[in-house]
């Protein structure tokens, strides 16, 4: 299985109402310091409705980029119950999904 597929498959474990970080996702598939690579792979996600790349945020709690724009990503997260203020996830530690 190639790296993209491994990452997408791992991301499917993150439930609605939770988020993970690029770094956590990288570690979960055995990559050390792979957060940038994960970001690039998320940007190429061929199935954004099925593979929830909007649930991947920066480790500092900032929402981060999204192929369809940060505003859309924030809206999707808000619909899932994630509270965001000034582009940052509120209550990050209780919302983060650890693999």
N, C-alpha and C. Protein backbone atom coordinates (compact mmCIF):
# COMPACT_ATOMS: atom_id res chain seq x y z
N UNK A 1 0.86 -1.18 0.00
CA UNK A 1 0.00 0.00 0.00
C UNK A 1 0.91 1.24 0.00
N UNK A 2 0.61 2.18 -0.88
CA UNK A 2 1.45 3.38 -0.93
C UNK A 2 1.13 4.31 0.23
N UNK A 3 2.01 5.28 0.44
CA UNK A 3 1.89 6.18 1.58
C UNK A 3 0.58 6.97 1.58
N UNK A 4 0.18 7.47 0.41
CA UNK A 4 -1.08 8.22 0.34
C UNK A 4 -2.24 7.38 0.87
N UNK A 5 -2.34 6.16 0.40
CA UNK A 5 -3.44 5.28 0.81
C UNK A 5 -3.38 4.96 2.29
N UNK A 6 -2.14 4.76 2.82
CA UNK A 6 -1.98 4.48 4.25
C UNK A 6 -2.52 5.65 5.08
N UNK A 7 -2.17 6.85 4.66
CA UNK A 7 -2.60 8.05 5.39
C UNK A 7 -4.11 8.22 5.30
N UNK A 8 -4.68 8.06 4.10
CA UNK A 8 -6.12 8.20 3.94
C UNK A 8 -6.86 7.16 4.78
N UNK A 9 -6.35 5.93 4.79
CA UNK A 9 -6.99 4.85 5.55
C UNK A 9 -6.94 5.16 7.05
N UNK A 10 -5.80 5.65 7.54
CA UNK A 10 -5.65 5.99 8.95
C UNK A 10 -6.60 7.13 9.32
N UNK A 11 -6.73 8.10 8.43
CA UNK A 11 -7.59 9.26 8.68
C UNK A 11 -9.06 8.86 8.83
N UNK A 12 -9.46 7.79 8.19
CA UNK A 12 -10.85 7.31 8.31
C UNK A 12 -11.21 6.95 9.75
N UNK A 13 -10.20 6.73 10.61
CA UNK A 13 -10.45 6.38 12.01
C UNK A 13 -10.90 7.58 12.85
N UNK A 14 -10.61 8.80 12.38
CA UNK A 14 -10.95 10.00 13.15
C UNK A 14 -12.46 10.23 13.07
N UNK A 15 -13.16 10.12 14.20
CA UNK A 15 -14.61 10.25 14.17
C UNK A 15 -15.09 11.70 14.05
N UNK A 16 -16.32 11.82 13.64
CA UNK A 16 -16.98 13.12 13.57
C UNK A 16 -16.92 13.76 14.96
N UNK A 17 -16.63 15.05 15.01
CA UNK A 17 -16.55 15.74 16.29
C UNK A 17 -15.16 15.71 16.91
N UNK A 18 -14.21 15.07 16.24
CA UNK A 18 -12.82 15.01 16.69
C UNK A 18 -11.93 15.54 15.57
N UNK A 19 -10.73 15.92 15.94
CA UNK A 19 -9.75 16.35 14.93
C UNK A 19 -8.42 15.67 15.28
N UNK A 20 -7.49 15.69 14.34
CA UNK A 20 -6.13 15.24 14.59
C UNK A 20 -5.21 16.28 13.96
N UNK A 21 -3.91 16.12 14.19
CA UNK A 21 -2.97 17.07 13.60
C UNK A 21 -2.20 16.39 12.48
N UNK A 22 -1.57 17.21 11.66
CA UNK A 22 -0.75 16.67 10.58
C UNK A 22 0.36 15.79 11.16
N UNK A 23 0.95 16.24 12.27
CA UNK A 23 2.03 15.48 12.92
C UNK A 23 1.56 14.17 13.51
N UNK A 24 0.40 14.18 14.18
CA UNK A 24 -0.16 12.95 14.76
C UNK A 24 -0.45 11.92 13.66
N UNK A 25 -0.98 12.39 12.57
CA UNK A 25 -1.30 11.50 11.45
C UNK A 25 -0.03 10.92 10.84
N UNK A 26 1.00 11.76 10.71
CA UNK A 26 2.29 11.30 10.19
C UNK A 26 2.86 10.20 11.09
N UNK A 27 2.85 10.45 12.41
CA UNK A 27 3.38 9.46 13.37
C UNK A 27 2.59 8.16 13.30
N UNK A 28 1.28 8.28 13.11
CA UNK A 28 0.41 7.10 13.09
C UNK A 28 0.73 6.15 11.93
N UNK A 29 1.35 6.68 10.87
CA UNK A 29 1.72 5.81 9.74
C UNK A 29 3.24 5.58 9.68
N UNK A 30 3.92 5.93 10.79
CA UNK A 30 5.34 5.64 10.89
C UNK A 30 6.29 6.67 10.30
N UNK A 31 5.81 7.88 10.06
CA UNK A 31 6.66 8.94 9.51
C UNK A 31 7.16 9.84 10.63
N UNK A 32 8.43 10.11 10.64
CA UNK A 32 9.00 11.03 11.63
C UNK A 32 9.09 12.40 10.95
N UNK A 33 8.57 13.43 11.59
CA UNK A 33 8.56 14.78 11.01
C UNK A 33 7.92 14.81 9.62
N UNK A 34 6.83 14.09 9.47
CA UNK A 34 6.17 13.99 8.17
C UNK A 34 4.97 14.90 7.98
N UNK A 35 4.81 15.91 8.86
CA UNK A 35 3.61 16.74 8.80
C UNK A 35 3.46 17.48 7.47
N UNK A 36 4.56 17.94 6.88
CA UNK A 36 4.46 18.64 5.58
C UNK A 36 4.01 17.67 4.48
N UNK A 37 4.57 16.48 4.52
CA UNK A 37 4.19 15.46 3.53
C UNK A 37 2.71 15.13 3.67
N UNK A 38 2.23 15.02 4.89
CA UNK A 38 0.81 14.73 5.13
C UNK A 38 -0.04 15.87 4.57
N UNK A 39 0.37 17.11 4.78
CA UNK A 39 -0.35 18.26 4.25
C UNK A 39 -0.47 18.21 2.74
N UNK A 40 0.62 17.84 2.08
CA UNK A 40 0.60 17.75 0.61
C UNK A 40 -0.33 16.64 0.15
N UNK A 41 -0.31 15.53 0.87
CA UNK A 41 -1.18 14.40 0.53
C UNK A 41 -2.65 14.78 0.75
N UNK A 42 -2.94 15.48 1.86
CA UNK A 42 -4.31 15.93 2.12
C UNK A 42 -4.81 16.83 1.00
N UNK A 43 -3.93 17.67 0.48
CA UNK A 43 -4.29 18.60 -0.59
C UNK A 43 -4.68 17.88 -1.88
N UNK A 44 -4.19 16.64 -2.04
CA UNK A 44 -4.49 15.85 -3.24
C UNK A 44 -5.62 14.85 -3.03
N UNK A 45 -6.26 14.90 -1.87
CA UNK A 45 -7.30 13.94 -1.52
C UNK A 45 -8.34 13.81 -2.64
N UNK A 46 -8.40 12.62 -3.27
CA UNK A 46 -9.34 12.45 -4.38
C UNK A 46 -10.80 12.27 -3.93
N UNK A 47 -11.02 12.01 -2.65
CA UNK A 47 -12.36 11.74 -2.14
C UNK A 47 -12.64 12.55 -0.87
N UNK A 48 -12.65 13.90 -0.96
CA UNK A 48 -12.80 14.72 0.24
C UNK A 48 -14.10 14.51 1.01
N UNK A 49 -15.13 14.02 0.37
CA UNK A 49 -16.39 13.77 1.07
C UNK A 49 -16.27 12.49 1.91
N UNK A 50 -15.52 11.52 1.42
CA UNK A 50 -15.37 10.23 2.10
C UNK A 50 -14.20 10.26 3.10
N UNK A 51 -13.06 10.78 2.65
CA UNK A 51 -11.87 10.86 3.50
C UNK A 51 -11.84 12.25 4.14
N UNK A 52 -12.08 12.33 5.44
CA UNK A 52 -12.31 13.62 6.10
C UNK A 52 -11.06 14.45 6.38
N UNK A 53 -10.40 14.92 5.32
CA UNK A 53 -9.17 15.69 5.51
C UNK A 53 -9.42 17.02 6.22
N UNK A 54 -10.67 17.46 6.27
CA UNK A 54 -10.98 18.68 7.01
C UNK A 54 -10.78 18.50 8.51
N UNK A 55 -10.65 17.27 8.97
CA UNK A 55 -10.44 17.00 10.40
C UNK A 55 -8.96 17.03 10.80
N UNK A 56 -8.09 17.40 9.87
CA UNK A 56 -6.66 17.49 10.16
C UNK A 56 -6.30 18.97 10.30
N UNK A 57 -5.76 19.33 11.48
CA UNK A 57 -5.42 20.72 11.77
C UNK A 57 -3.96 20.83 12.20
N UNK A 58 -3.51 22.06 12.34
CA UNK A 58 -2.13 22.29 12.78
C UNK A 58 -1.98 21.99 14.27
N UNK A 59 -0.78 21.65 14.68
CA UNK A 59 -0.53 21.28 16.08
C UNK A 59 -0.74 22.44 17.05
N UNK A 60 -0.69 23.68 16.55
CA UNK A 60 -0.92 24.83 17.43
C UNK A 60 -2.41 25.17 17.56
N UNK A 61 -3.26 24.34 16.93
CA UNK A 61 -4.70 24.54 17.02
C UNK A 61 -5.29 25.36 15.90
N UNK A 62 -4.44 25.92 15.04
CA UNK A 62 -4.96 26.68 13.90
C UNK A 62 -5.60 25.70 12.91
N UNK A 63 -6.65 26.16 12.27
CA UNK A 63 -7.40 25.30 11.35
C UNK A 63 -6.51 24.78 10.22
N UNK A 64 -5.68 25.64 9.66
CA UNK A 64 -4.79 25.22 8.58
C UNK A 64 -5.48 25.26 7.23
N UNK A 65 -4.74 24.90 6.23
CA UNK A 65 -5.23 24.98 4.86
C UNK A 65 -6.23 23.90 4.50
N UNK A 66 -6.87 24.12 3.38
CA UNK A 66 -7.86 23.18 2.86
C UNK A 66 -8.01 23.47 1.38
N UNK A 67 -8.11 22.44 0.59
CA UNK A 67 -8.19 22.61 -0.87
C UNK A 67 -9.33 23.54 -1.29
N UNK A 68 -10.42 23.56 -0.51
CA UNK A 68 -11.58 24.39 -0.86
C UNK A 68 -11.64 25.68 -0.04
N UNK A 69 -10.56 25.97 0.67
CA UNK A 69 -10.48 27.20 1.45
C UNK A 69 -10.69 26.98 2.93
N UNK A 70 -10.02 27.79 3.71
CA UNK A 70 -10.08 27.68 5.17
C UNK A 70 -11.48 27.93 5.71
N UNK A 71 -12.23 28.81 5.05
CA UNK A 71 -13.59 29.12 5.51
C UNK A 71 -14.50 27.89 5.41
N UNK A 72 -14.38 27.17 4.32
CA UNK A 72 -15.18 25.94 4.12
C UNK A 72 -14.78 24.90 5.18
N UNK A 73 -13.47 24.76 5.39
CA UNK A 73 -12.98 23.80 6.39
C UNK A 73 -13.54 24.14 7.76
N UNK A 74 -13.47 25.41 8.14
CA UNK A 74 -14.00 25.85 9.43
C UNK A 74 -15.49 25.57 9.54
N UNK A 75 -16.23 25.82 8.47
CA UNK A 75 -17.68 25.56 8.48
C UNK A 75 -17.97 24.08 8.68
N UNK A 76 -17.22 23.23 7.99
CA UNK A 76 -17.42 21.78 8.11
C UNK A 76 -17.13 21.32 9.54
N UNK A 77 -16.06 21.83 10.12
CA UNK A 77 -15.72 21.46 11.50
C UNK A 77 -16.78 21.95 12.48
N UNK A 78 -17.26 23.16 12.27
CA UNK A 78 -18.30 23.73 13.13
C UNK A 78 -19.57 22.87 13.08
N UNK A 79 -19.93 22.41 11.89
CA UNK A 79 -21.10 21.54 11.74
C UNK A 79 -20.93 20.23 12.49
N UNK A 80 -19.68 19.82 12.70
CA UNK A 80 -19.40 18.58 13.43
C UNK A 80 -19.24 18.82 14.93
N UNK A 81 -19.47 20.07 15.37
CA UNK A 81 -19.43 20.36 16.79
C UNK A 81 -18.10 20.91 17.30
N UNK A 82 -17.17 21.17 16.41
CA UNK A 82 -15.88 21.73 16.81
C UNK A 82 -16.03 23.25 16.90
N UNK A 83 -15.66 23.82 18.03
CA UNK A 83 -15.75 25.27 18.19
C UNK A 83 -14.44 25.92 17.77
N UNK A 84 -14.57 26.99 16.98
CA UNK A 84 -13.42 27.70 16.44
C UNK A 84 -13.58 29.18 16.73
N UNK A 85 -12.48 29.79 17.15
CA UNK A 85 -12.49 31.23 17.38
C UNK A 85 -11.19 31.80 16.82
N UNK A 86 -11.33 32.83 15.98
CA UNK A 86 -10.16 33.47 15.35
C UNK A 86 -9.25 32.46 14.65
N UNK A 87 -9.87 31.49 13.98
CA UNK A 87 -9.10 30.51 13.21
C UNK A 87 -8.42 29.42 14.02
N UNK A 88 -8.76 29.33 15.31
CA UNK A 88 -8.15 28.30 16.17
C UNK A 88 -9.23 27.43 16.82
N UNK A 89 -8.89 26.16 16.97
CA UNK A 89 -9.78 25.20 17.62
C UNK A 89 -9.81 25.50 19.12
N UNK A 90 -11.00 25.66 19.67
CA UNK A 90 -11.15 25.83 21.12
C UNK A 90 -11.15 24.44 21.75
N UNK A 91 -10.59 24.33 22.94
CA UNK A 91 -10.59 23.05 23.65
C UNK A 91 -9.89 21.96 22.84
N UNK A 92 -8.75 22.33 22.25
CA UNK A 92 -8.00 21.43 21.37
C UNK A 92 -7.70 20.08 22.03
N UNK A 93 -7.18 20.10 23.25
CA UNK A 93 -6.78 18.85 23.90
C UNK A 93 -7.92 17.85 24.06
N UNK A 94 -9.14 18.33 24.27
CA UNK A 94 -10.26 17.43 24.42
C UNK A 94 -10.89 17.02 23.09
N UNK A 95 -10.50 17.69 22.03
CA UNK A 95 -11.05 17.39 20.70
C UNK A 95 -10.12 16.53 19.86
N UNK A 96 -8.86 16.45 20.30
CA UNK A 96 -7.88 15.75 19.46
C UNK A 96 -8.04 14.24 19.56
N UNK A 97 -7.92 13.59 18.43
CA UNK A 97 -8.01 12.13 18.35
C UNK A 97 -6.60 11.59 18.28
N UNK A 98 -6.25 10.72 19.22
CA UNK A 98 -4.92 10.11 19.23
C UNK A 98 -5.05 8.66 18.74
N UNK A 99 -4.21 8.32 17.83
CA UNK A 99 -4.25 6.97 17.22
C UNK A 99 -3.65 5.92 18.14
